């Protein structure tokens, strides 16, 4: 389970502010995952790489390690043009976002 209080303290934020940022992250990432799915369908490696990079940055800043790791791999594989290995990435990200949402 995600320890929002600990993550907030590590960032020097009040828990309410961190929760607000987490809610924004969930909303934005949900939209990004939809864009990621379309980019994968279209075999658009550059878009996949860029979307993964954006999610990676936000998740890293907030301390959401599972999402950070998934998107780090996604960004790397997209840069290598290996999109076929990323077919399960959107579902894995959705699962992690759902876990965050449930913890709120």
PDB file of N, CA and C in Angstrom:
ATOM      1  N   UNK A   1       0.844  -1.183   0.000  1.00  0.00           N
ATOM      2  CA  UNK A   1       0.000   0.000   0.000  1.00  0.00           C
ATOM      3  C   UNK A   1       0.887   1.243   0.000  1.00  0.00           C
ATOM      4  N   UNK A   2       0.446   2.252  -0.687  1.00  0.00           N
ATOM      5  CA  UNK A   2       1.199   3.489  -0.793  1.00  0.00           C
ATOM      6  C   UNK A   2       1.056   4.292   0.494  1.00  0.00           C
ATOM      7  N   UNK A   3       2.189   4.717   1.029  1.00  0.00           N
ATOM      8  CA  UNK A   3       2.197   5.530   2.245  1.00  0.00           C
ATOM      9  C   UNK A   3       2.257   7.003   1.830  1.00  0.00           C
ATOM     10  N   UNK A   4       1.081   7.585   1.613  1.00  0.00           N
ATOM     11  CA  UNK A   4       1.015   8.967   1.148  1.00  0.00           C
ATOM     12  C   UNK A   4       1.631   9.936   2.146  1.00  0.00           C
ATOM     13  N   UNK A   5       1.454   9.668   3.429  1.00  0.00           N
ATOM     14  CA  UNK A   5       2.009  10.561   4.449  1.00  0.00           C
ATOM     15  C   UNK A   5       3.534  10.603   4.341  1.00  0.00           C
ATOM     16  N   UNK A   6       4.148   9.435   4.196  1.00  0.00           N
ATOM     17  CA  UNK A   6       5.606   9.368   4.083  1.00  0.00           C
ATOM     18  C   UNK A   6       6.084  10.066   2.811  1.00  0.00           C
ATOM     19  N   UNK A   7       5.406   9.805   1.696  1.00  0.00           N
ATOM     20  CA  UNK A   7       5.794  10.453   0.440  1.00  0.00           C
ATOM     21  C   UNK A   7       5.648  11.967   0.535  1.00  0.00           C
ATOM     22  N   UNK A   8       4.576  12.434   1.165  1.00  0.00           N
ATOM     23  CA  UNK A   8       4.369  13.877   1.342  1.00  0.00           C
ATOM     24  C   UNK A   8       5.504  14.477   2.164  1.00  0.00           C
ATOM     25  N   UNK A   9       5.857  13.804   3.256  1.00  0.00           N
ATOM     26  CA  UNK A   9       6.939  14.296   4.115  1.00  0.00           C
ATOM     27  C   UNK A   9       8.257  14.358   3.355  1.00  0.00           C
ATOM     28  N   UNK A  10       8.531  13.342   2.536  1.00  0.00           N
ATOM     29  CA  UNK A  10       9.776  13.320   1.762  1.00  0.00           C
ATOM     30  C   UNK A  10       9.864  14.502   0.799  1.00  0.00           C
ATOM     31  N   UNK A  11       8.706  14.966   0.342  1.00  0.00           N
ATOM     32  CA  UNK A  11       8.671  16.100  -0.580  1.00  0.00           C
ATOM     33  C   UNK A  11       8.470  17.434   0.131  1.00  0.00           C
ATOM     34  N   UNK A  12       8.328  17.393   1.451  1.00  0.00           N
ATOM     35  CA  UNK A  12       8.119  18.616   2.219  1.00  0.00           C
ATOM     36  C   UNK A  12       6.737  19.213   2.018  1.00  0.00           C
ATOM     37  N   UNK A  13       5.757  18.354   1.771  1.00  0.00           N
ATOM     38  CA  UNK A  13       4.388  18.812   1.526  1.00  0.00           C
ATOM     39  C   UNK A  13       3.455  18.388   2.646  1.00  0.00           C
ATOM     40  N   UNK A  14       2.398  19.147   2.807  1.00  0.00           N
ATOM     41  CA  UNK A  14       1.311  18.737   3.689  1.00  0.00           C
ATOM     42  C   UNK A  14       0.591  17.580   3.005  1.00  0.00           C
ATOM     43  N   UNK A  15       0.025  16.682   3.790  1.00  0.00           N
ATOM     44  CA  UNK A  15      -0.654  15.522   3.229  1.00  0.00           C
ATOM     45  C   UNK A  15      -1.793  15.935   2.295  1.00  0.00           C
ATOM     46  N   UNK A  16      -2.542  16.972   2.640  1.00  0.00           N
ATOM     47  CA  UNK A  16      -3.656  17.424   1.790  1.00  0.00           C
ATOM     48  C   UNK A  16      -3.156  17.875   0.419  1.00  0.00           C
ATOM     49  N   UNK A  17      -2.020  18.572   0.405  1.00  0.00           N
ATOM     50  CA  UNK A  17      -1.443  19.018  -0.865  1.00  0.00           C
ATOM     51  C   UNK A  17      -0.960  17.827  -1.689  1.00  0.00           C
ATOM     52  N   UNK A  18      -0.363  16.856  -1.015  1.00  0.00           N
ATOM     53  CA  UNK A  18       0.114  15.669  -1.722  1.00  0.00           C
ATOM     54  C   UNK A  18      -1.057  14.876  -2.303  1.00  0.00           C
ATOM     55  N   UNK A  19      -2.129  14.765  -1.552  1.00  0.00           N
ATOM     56  CA  UNK A  19      -3.328  14.068  -2.040  1.00  0.00           C
ATOM     57  C   UNK A  19      -3.869  14.778  -3.281  1.00  0.00           C
ATOM     58  N   UNK A  20      -3.891  16.103  -3.238  1.00  0.00           N
ATOM     59  CA  UNK A  20      -4.362  16.876  -4.390  1.00  0.00           C
ATOM     60  C   UNK A  20      -3.479  16.620  -5.616  1.00  0.00           C
ATOM     61  N   UNK A  21      -2.166  16.599  -5.407  1.00  0.00           N
ATOM     62  CA  UNK A  21      -1.244  16.294  -6.507  1.00  0.00           C
ATOM     63  C   UNK A  21      -1.456  14.877  -7.028  1.00  0.00           C
ATOM     64  N   UNK A  22      -1.709  13.950  -6.125  1.00  0.00           N
ATOM     65  CA  UNK A  22      -1.946  12.561  -6.518  1.00  0.00           C
ATOM     66  C   UNK A  22      -3.217  12.452  -7.350  1.00  0.00           C
ATOM     67  N   UNK A  23      -4.258  13.154  -6.946  1.00  0.00           N
ATOM     68  CA  UNK A  23      -5.508  13.144  -7.717  1.00  0.00           C
ATOM     69  C   UNK A  23      -5.287  13.706  -9.118  1.00  0.00           C
ATOM     70  N   UNK A  24      -4.514  14.782  -9.218  1.00  0.00           N
ATOM     71  CA  UNK A  24      -4.187  15.360 -10.521  1.00  0.00           C
ATOM     72  C   UNK A  24      -3.346  14.381 -11.342  1.00  0.00           C
ATOM     73  N   UNK A  25      -2.392  13.730 -10.686  1.00  0.00           N
ATOM     74  CA  UNK A  25      -1.562  12.728 -11.364  1.00  0.00           C
ATOM     75  C   UNK A  25      -2.436  11.611 -11.932  1.00  0.00           C
ATOM     76  N   UNK A  26      -3.377  11.128 -11.141  1.00  0.00           N
ATOM     77  CA  UNK A  26      -4.261  10.040 -11.583  1.00  0.00           C
ATOM     78  C   UNK A  26      -5.062  10.476 -12.805  1.00  0.00           C
ATOM     79  N   UNK A  27      -5.616  11.675 -12.757  1.00  0.00           N
ATOM     80  CA  UNK A  27      -6.414  12.182 -13.874  1.00  0.00           C
ATOM     81  C   UNK A  27      -5.559  12.317 -15.136  1.00  0.00           C
ATOM     82  N   UNK A  28      -4.412  12.944 -14.999  1.00  0.00           N
ATOM     83  CA  UNK A  28      -3.528  13.172 -16.137  1.00  0.00           C
ATOM     84  C   UNK A  28      -2.999  11.853 -16.695  1.00  0.00           C
ATOM     85  N   UNK A  29      -2.602  10.966 -15.804  1.00  0.00           N
ATOM     86  CA  UNK A  29      -2.040   9.690 -16.239  1.00  0.00           C
ATOM     87  C   UNK A  29      -3.094   8.825 -16.915  1.00  0.00           C
ATOM     88  N   UNK A  30      -4.316   8.887 -16.444  1.00  0.00           N
ATOM     89  CA  UNK A  30      -5.399   8.150 -17.099  1.00  0.00           C
ATOM     90  C   UNK A  30      -5.558   8.624 -18.542  1.00  0.00           C
ATOM     91  N   UNK A  31      -5.509   9.928 -18.748  1.00  0.00           N
ATOM     92  CA  UNK A  31      -5.569  10.477 -20.108  1.00  0.00           C
ATOM     93  C   UNK A  31      -4.346  10.050 -20.920  1.00  0.00           C
ATOM     94  N   UNK A  32      -3.175  10.081 -20.291  1.00  0.00           N
ATOM     95  CA  UNK A  32      -1.945   9.682 -20.977  1.00  0.00           C
ATOM     96  C   UNK A  32      -1.969   8.206 -21.372  1.00  0.00           C
ATOM     97  N   UNK A  33      -2.548   7.370 -20.532  1.00  0.00           N
ATOM     98  CA  UNK A  33      -2.634   5.940 -20.855  1.00  0.00           C
ATOM     99  C   UNK A  33      -3.508   5.735 -22.090  1.00  0.00           C
ATOM    100  N   UNK A  34      -4.590   6.485 -22.201  1.00  0.00           N
ATOM    101  CA  UNK A  34      -5.443   6.399 -23.394  1.00  0.00           C
ATOM    102  C   UNK A  34      -4.656   6.812 -24.638  1.00  0.00           C
ATOM    103  N   UNK A  35      -3.862   7.865 -24.513  1.00  0.00           N
ATOM    104  CA  UNK A  35      -3.008   8.302 -25.628  1.00  0.00           C
ATOM    105  C   UNK A  35      -1.952   7.252 -25.945  1.00  0.00           C
ATOM    106  N   UNK A  36      -1.416   6.619 -24.909  1.00  0.00           N
ATOM    107  CA  UNK A  36      -0.416   5.567 -25.081  1.00  0.00           C
ATOM    108  C   UNK A  36      -1.003   4.386 -25.854  1.00  0.00           C
ATOM    109  N   UNK A  37      -2.216   4.008 -25.511  1.00  0.00           N
ATOM    110  CA  UNK A  37      -2.880   2.902 -26.215  1.00  0.00           C
ATOM    111  C   UNK A  37      -3.017   3.214 -27.705  1.00  0.00           C
ATOM    112  N   UNK A  38      -3.427   4.439 -28.017  1.00  0.00           N
ATOM    113  CA  UNK A  38      -3.572   4.836 -29.426  1.00  0.00           C
ATOM    114  C   UNK A  38      -2.220   4.839 -30.130  1.00  0.00           C
ATOM    115  N   UNK A  39      -1.199   5.349 -29.457  1.00  0.00           N
ATOM    116  CA  UNK A  39       0.136   5.381 -30.055  1.00  0.00           C
ATOM    117  C   UNK A  39       0.649   3.966 -30.321  1.00  0.00           C
ATOM    118  N   UNK A  40       0.382   3.051 -29.406  1.00  0.00           N
ATOM    119  CA  UNK A  40       0.785   1.660 -29.623  1.00  0.00           C
ATOM    120  C   UNK A  40       0.009   1.048 -30.786  1.00  0.00           C
ATOM    121  N   UNK A  41      -1.290   1.312 -30.863  1.00  0.00           N
ATOM    122  CA  UNK A  41      -2.106   0.822 -31.982  1.00  0.00           C
ATOM    123  C   UNK A  41      -1.559   1.321 -33.311  1.00  0.00           C
ATOM    124  N   UNK A  42      -1.117   2.568 -33.324  1.00  0.00           N
ATOM    125  CA  UNK A  42      -0.600   3.196 -34.546  1.00  0.00           C
ATOM    126  C   UNK A  42       0.883   2.914 -34.781  1.00  0.00           C
ATOM    127  N   UNK A  43       1.491   2.136 -33.888  1.00  0.00           N
ATOM    128  CA  UNK A  43       2.922   1.821 -33.997  1.00  0.00           C
ATOM    129  C   UNK A  43       3.771   3.097 -34.071  1.00  0.00           C
ATOM    130  N   UNK A  44       3.403   4.093 -33.272  1.00  0.00           N
ATOM    131  CA  UNK A  44       4.085   5.387 -33.243  1.00  0.00           C
ATOM    132  C   UNK A  44       5.089   5.393 -32.088  1.00  0.00           C
ATOM    133  N   UNK A  45       6.291   4.923 -32.381  1.00  0.00           N
ATOM    134  CA  UNK A  45       7.316   4.761 -31.347  1.00  0.00           C
ATOM    135  C   UNK A  45       7.678   6.086 -30.678  1.00  0.00           C
ATOM    136  N   UNK A  46       7.746   7.166 -31.453  1.00  0.00           N
ATOM    137  CA  UNK A  46       8.107   8.458 -30.862  1.00  0.00           C
ATOM    138  C   UNK A  46       7.066   8.919 -29.851  1.00  0.00           C
ATOM    139  N   UNK A  47       5.795   8.769 -30.189  1.00  0.00           N
ATOM    140  CA  UNK A  47       4.741   9.163 -29.250  1.00  0.00           C
ATOM    141  C   UNK A  47       4.743   8.275 -28.018  1.00  0.00           C
ATOM    142  N   UNK A  48       4.933   6.978 -28.212  1.00  0.00           N
ATOM    143  CA  UNK A  48       5.005   6.056 -27.065  1.00  0.00           C
ATOM    144  C   UNK A  48       6.136   6.482 -26.143  1.00  0.00           C
ATOM    145  N   UNK A  49       7.287   6.772 -26.723  1.00  0.00           N
ATOM    146  CA  UNK A  49       8.451   7.194 -25.933  1.00  0.00           C
ATOM    147  C   UNK A  49       8.153   8.477 -25.168  1.00  0.00           C
ATOM    148  N   UNK A  50       7.566   9.456 -25.847  1.00  0.00           N
ATOM    149  CA  UNK A  50       7.266  10.743 -25.210  1.00  0.00           C
ATOM    150  C   UNK A  50       6.233  10.607 -24.091  1.00  0.00           C
ATOM    151  N   UNK A  51       5.189   9.831 -24.333  1.00  0.00           N
ATOM    152  CA  UNK A  51       4.149   9.647 -23.319  1.00  0.00           C
ATOM    153  C   UNK A  51       4.721   8.916 -22.110  1.00  0.00           C
ATOM    154  N   UNK A  52       5.486   7.861 -22.366  1.00  0.00           N
ATOM    155  CA  UNK A  52       6.116   7.121 -21.263  1.00  0.00           C
ATOM    156  C   UNK A  52       7.044   8.042 -20.472  1.00  0.00           C
ATOM    157  N   UNK A  53       7.780   8.883 -21.180  1.00  0.00           N
ATOM    158  CA  UNK A  53       8.695   9.821 -20.517  1.00  0.00           C
ATOM    159  C   UNK A  53       7.928  10.783 -19.607  1.00  0.00           C
ATOM    160  N   UNK A  54       6.808  11.302 -20.090  1.00  0.00           N
ATOM    161  CA  UNK A  54       6.007  12.233 -19.286  1.00  0.00           C
ATOM    162  C   UNK A  54       5.481  11.568 -18.020  1.00  0.00           C
ATOM    163  N   UNK A  55       4.938  10.365 -18.172  1.00  0.00           N
ATOM    164  CA  UNK A  55       4.415   9.649 -17.000  1.00  0.00           C
ATOM    165  C   UNK A  55       5.557   9.310 -16.051  1.00  0.00           C
ATOM    166  N   UNK A  56       6.692   8.915 -16.618  1.00  0.00           N
ATOM    167  CA  UNK A  56       7.863   8.568 -15.804  1.00  0.00           C
ATOM    168  C   UNK A  56       8.292   9.754 -14.945  1.00  0.00           C
ATOM    169  N   UNK A  57       8.364  10.925 -15.550  1.00  0.00           N
ATOM    170  CA  UNK A  57       8.790  12.109 -14.811  1.00  0.00           C
ATOM    171  C   UNK A  57       7.862  12.446 -13.660  1.00  0.00           C
ATOM    172  N   UNK A  58       6.571  12.451 -13.937  1.00  0.00           N
ATOM    173  CA  UNK A  58       5.595  12.784 -12.896  1.00  0.00           C
ATOM    174  C   UNK A  58       5.596  11.740 -11.788  1.00  0.00           C
ATOM    175  N   UNK A  59       5.637  10.469 -12.163  1.00  0.00           N
ATOM    176  CA  UNK A  59       5.615   9.409 -11.144  1.00  0.00           C
ATOM    177  C   UNK A  59       6.896   9.421 -10.320  1.00  0.00           C
ATOM    178  N   UNK A  60       8.012   9.708 -10.962  1.00  0.00           N
ATOM    179  CA  UNK A  60       9.274   9.790 -10.232  1.00  0.00           C
ATOM    180  C   UNK A  60       9.282  10.938  -9.244  1.00  0.00           C
ATOM    181  N   UNK A  61       8.757  12.080  -9.663  1.00  0.00           N
ATOM    182  CA  UNK A  61       8.698  13.245  -8.774  1.00  0.00           C
ATOM    183  C   UNK A  61       7.835  12.996  -7.547  1.00  0.00           C
ATOM    184  N   UNK A  62       6.780  12.199  -7.715  1.00  0.00           N
ATOM    185  CA  UNK A  62       5.858  11.938  -6.607  1.00  0.00           C
ATOM    186  C   UNK A  62       6.226  10.687  -5.808  1.00  0.00           C
ATOM    187  N   UNK A  63       7.184   9.927  -6.295  1.00  0.00           N
ATOM    188  CA  UNK A  63       7.626   8.739  -5.560  1.00  0.00           C
ATOM    189  C   UNK A  63       6.822   7.483  -5.840  1.00  0.00           C
ATOM    190  N   UNK A  64       6.116   7.442  -6.961  1.00  0.00           N
ATOM    191  CA  UNK A  64       5.327   6.266  -7.324  1.00  0.00           C
ATOM    192  C   UNK A  64       6.220   5.313  -8.122  1.00  0.00           C
ATOM    193  N   UNK A  65       6.970   4.500  -7.393  1.00  0.00           N
ATOM    194  CA  UNK A  65       8.054   3.710  -7.981  1.00  0.00           C
ATOM    195  C   UNK A  65       7.602   2.675  -8.999  1.00  0.00           C
ATOM    196  N   UNK A  66       6.498   1.999  -8.757  1.00  0.00           N
ATOM    197  CA  UNK A  66       6.049   0.960  -9.696  1.00  0.00           C
ATOM    198  C   UNK A  66       5.744   1.569 -11.066  1.00  0.00           C
ATOM    199  N   UNK A  67       5.077   2.709 -11.070  1.00  0.00           N
ATOM    200  CA  UNK A  67       4.756   3.379 -12.332  1.00  0.00           C
ATOM    201  C   UNK A  67       6.033   3.900 -12.971  1.00  0.00           C
ATOM    202  N   UNK A  68       6.931   4.408 -12.161  1.00  0.00           N
ATOM    203  CA  UNK A  68       8.215   4.901 -12.665  1.00  0.00           C
ATOM    204  C   UNK A  68       8.983   3.786 -13.371  1.00  0.00           C
ATOM    205  N   UNK A  69       9.052   2.625 -12.754  1.00  0.00           N
ATOM    206  CA  UNK A  69       9.790   1.499 -13.342  1.00  0.00           C
ATOM    207  C   UNK A  69       9.138   1.060 -14.653  1.00  0.00           C
ATOM    208  N   UNK A  70       7.822   0.919 -14.645  1.00  0.00           N
ATOM    209  CA  UNK A  70       7.116   0.512 -15.868  1.00  0.00           C
ATOM    210  C   UNK A  70       7.380   1.477 -17.019  1.00  0.00           C
ATOM    211  N   UNK A  71       7.308   2.762 -16.745  1.00  0.00           N
ATOM    212  CA  UNK A  71       7.473   3.745 -17.813  1.00  0.00           C
ATOM    213  C   UNK A  71       8.931   3.924 -18.216  1.00  0.00           C
ATOM    214  N   UNK A  72       9.857   3.651 -17.313  1.00  0.00           N
ATOM    215  CA  UNK A  72      11.273   3.676 -17.680  1.00  0.00           C
ATOM    216  C   UNK A  72      11.545   2.609 -18.731  1.00  0.00           C
ATOM    217  N   UNK A  73      11.031   1.413 -18.487  1.00  0.00           N
ATOM    218  CA  UNK A  73      11.185   0.319 -19.451  1.00  0.00           C
ATOM    219  C   UNK A  73      10.461   0.669 -20.751  1.00  0.00           C
ATOM    220  N   UNK A  74       9.243   1.203 -20.626  1.00  0.00           N
ATOM    221  CA  UNK A  74       8.475   1.576 -21.813  1.00  0.00           C
ATOM    222  C   UNK A  74       9.186   2.600 -22.674  1.00  0.00           C
ATOM    223  N   UNK A  75       9.741   3.598 -22.043  1.00  0.00           N
ATOM    224  CA  UNK A  75      10.464   4.638 -22.780  1.00  0.00           C
ATOM    225  C   UNK A  75      11.670   4.042 -23.500  1.00  0.00           C
ATOM    226  N   UNK A  76      12.405   3.191 -22.812  1.00  0.00           N
ATOM    227  CA  UNK A  76      13.604   2.578 -23.399  1.00  0.00           C
ATOM    228  C   UNK A  76      13.245   1.691 -24.589  1.00  0.00           C
ATOM    229  N   UNK A  77      12.247   0.838 -24.408  1.00  0.00           N
ATOM    230  CA  UNK A  77      11.852  -0.071 -25.491  1.00  0.00           C
ATOM    231  C   UNK A  77      11.300   0.703 -26.684  1.00  0.00           C
ATOM    232  N   UNK A  78      10.551   1.762 -26.435  1.00  0.00           N
ATOM    233  CA  UNK A  78      10.028   2.576 -27.534  1.00  0.00           C
ATOM    234  C   UNK A  78      11.166   3.249 -28.286  1.00  0.00           C
ATOM    235  N   UNK A  79      12.168   3.734 -27.564  1.00  0.00           N
ATOM    236  CA  UNK A  79      13.325   4.360 -28.204  1.00  0.00           C
ATOM    237  C   UNK A  79      14.069   3.360 -29.086  1.00  0.00           C
ATOM    238  N   UNK A  80      14.024   2.089 -28.689  1.00  0.00           N
ATOM    239  CA  UNK A  80      14.659   1.023 -29.476  1.00  0.00           C
ATOM    240  C   UNK A  80      13.744   0.512 -30.586  1.00  0.00           C
ATOM    241  N   UNK A  81      12.516   1.025 -30.651  1.00  0.00           N
ATOM    242  CA  UNK A  81      11.559   0.587 -31.655  1.00  0.00           C
ATOM    243  C   UNK A  81      10.924  -0.760 -31.366  1.00  0.00           C
ATOM    244  N   UNK A  82      11.017  -1.223 -30.137  1.00  0.00           N
ATOM    245  CA  UNK A  82      10.501  -2.541 -29.749  1.00  0.00           C
ATOM    246  C   UNK A  82       9.105  -2.411 -29.135  1.00  0.00           C
ATOM    247  N   UNK A  83       8.161  -1.968 -29.932  1.00  0.00           N
ATOM    248  CA  UNK A  83       6.810  -1.718 -29.433  1.00  0.00           C
ATOM    249  C   UNK A  83       6.046  -2.998 -29.118  1.00  0.00           C
ATOM    250  N   UNK A  84       6.379  -4.086 -29.793  1.00  0.00           N
ATOM    251  CA  UNK A  84       5.629  -5.331 -29.575  1.00  0.00           C
ATOM    252  C   UNK A  84       5.741  -5.820 -28.138  1.00  0.00           C
ATOM    253  N   UNK A  85       6.839  -5.525 -27.473  1.00  0.00           N
ATOM    254  CA  UNK A  85       7.004  -5.969 -26.081  1.00  0.00           C
ATOM    255  C   UNK A  85       6.240  -5.070 -25.098  1.00  0.00           C
ATOM    256  N   UNK A  86       5.647  -4.005 -25.607  1.00  0.00           N
ATOM    257  CA  UNK A  86       4.941  -3.053 -24.743  1.00  0.00           C
ATOM    258  C   UNK A  86       3.425  -3.208 -24.781  1.00  0.00           C
ATOM    259  N   UNK A  87       2.947  -4.272 -25.392  1.00  0.00           N
ATOM    260  CA  UNK A  87       1.499  -4.465 -25.532  1.00  0.00           C
ATOM    261  C   UNK A  87       0.775  -4.454 -24.190  1.00  0.00           C
ATOM    262  N   UNK A  88       1.419  -4.952 -23.150  1.00  0.00           N
ATOM    263  CA  UNK A  88       0.776  -5.027 -21.832  1.00  0.00           C
ATOM    264  C   UNK A  88       1.018  -3.786 -20.968  1.00  0.00           C
ATOM    265  N   UNK A  89       1.795  -2.834 -21.466  1.00  0.00           N
ATOM    266  CA  UNK A  89       2.119  -1.649 -20.668  1.00  0.00           C
ATOM    267  C   UNK A  89       0.882  -0.849 -20.249  1.00  0.00           C
ATOM    268  N   UNK A  90      -0.047  -0.537 -21.145  1.00  0.00           N
ATOM    269  CA  UNK A  90      -1.220   0.224 -20.693  1.00  0.00           C
ATOM    270  C   UNK A  90      -1.996  -0.475 -19.579  1.00  0.00           C
ATOM    271  N   UNK A  91      -2.193  -1.770 -19.697  1.00  0.00           N
ATOM    272  CA  UNK A  91      -2.933  -2.505 -18.655  1.00  0.00           C
ATOM    273  C   UNK A  91      -2.178  -2.485 -17.333  1.00  0.00           C
ATOM    274  N   UNK A  92      -0.864  -2.631 -17.390  1.00  0.00           N
ATOM    275  CA  UNK A  92      -0.056  -2.600 -16.165  1.00  0.00           C
ATOM    276  C   UNK A  92      -0.132  -1.223 -15.507  1.00  0.00           C
ATOM    277  N   UNK A  93      -0.093  -0.180 -16.321  1.00  0.00           N
ATOM    278  CA  UNK A  93      -0.201   1.177 -15.780  1.00  0.00           C
ATOM    279  C   UNK A  93      -1.584   1.427 -15.187  1.00  0.00           C
ATOM    280  N   UNK A  94      -2.623   0.954 -15.872  1.00  0.00           N
ATOM    281  CA  UNK A  94      -3.988   1.107 -15.344  1.00  0.00           C
ATOM    282  C   UNK A  94      -4.116   0.433 -13.983  1.00  0.00           C
ATOM    283  N   UNK A  95      -3.515  -0.730 -13.853  1.00  0.00           N
ATOM    284  CA  UNK A  95      -3.568  -1.456 -12.576  1.00  0.00           C
ATOM    285  C   UNK A  95      -2.919  -0.629 -11.470  1.00  0.00           C
ATOM    286  N   UNK A  96      -1.754  -0.069 -11.743  1.00  0.00           N
ATOM    287  CA  UNK A  96      -1.048   0.729 -10.737  1.00  0.00           C
ATOM    288  C   UNK A  96      -1.808   2.007 -10.395  1.00  0.00           C
ATOM    289  N   UNK A  97      -2.423   2.628 -11.386  1.00  0.00           N
ATOM    290  CA  UNK A  97      -3.220   3.834 -11.133  1.00  0.00           C
ATOM    291  C   UNK A  97      -4.434   3.485 -10.275  1.00  0.00           C
ATOM    292  N   UNK A  98      -5.043   2.342 -10.544  1.00  0.00           N
ATOM    293  CA  UNK A  98      -6.182   1.889  -9.741  1.00  0.00           C
ATOM    294  C   UNK A  98      -5.765   1.655  -8.295  1.00  0.00           C
ATOM    295  N   UNK A  99      -4.591   1.096  -8.095  1.00  0.00           N
ATOM    296  CA  UNK A  99      -4.071   0.881  -6.741  1.00  0.00           C
ATOM    297  C   UNK A  99      -3.904   2.225  -6.027  1.00  0.00           C
ATOM    298  N   UNK A 100      -3.343   3.206  -6.718  1.00  0.00           N
ATOM    299  CA  UNK A 100      -3.195   4.547  -6.128  1.00  0.00           C
ATOM    300  C   UNK A 100      -4.556   5.131  -5.774  1.00  0.00           C
ATOM    301  N   UNK A 101      -5.482   5.031  -6.713  1.00  0.00           N
ATOM    302  CA  UNK A 101      -6.814   5.595  -6.502  1.00  0.00           C
ATOM    303  C   UNK A 101      -7.504   4.940  -5.310  1.00  0.00           C
ATOM    304  N   UNK A 102      -7.349   3.644  -5.179  1.00  0.00           N
ATOM    305  CA  UNK A 102      -7.965   2.912  -4.066  1.00  0.00           C
ATOM    306  C   UNK A 102      -7.365   3.309  -2.724  1.00  0.00           C
ATOM    307  N   UNK A 103      -6.113   3.731  -2.746  1.00  0.00           N
ATOM    308  CA  UNK A 103      -5.428   4.086  -1.504  1.00  0.00           C
ATOM    309  C   UNK A 103      -5.784   5.487  -1.015  1.00  0.00           C
ATOM    310  N   UNK A 104      -6.402   6.278  -1.876  1.00  0.00           N
ATOM    311  CA  UNK A 104      -6.751   7.653  -1.479  1.00  0.00           C
ATOM    312  C   UNK A 104      -7.816   7.675  -0.397  1.00  0.00           C
TER     313      UNK A 104
END
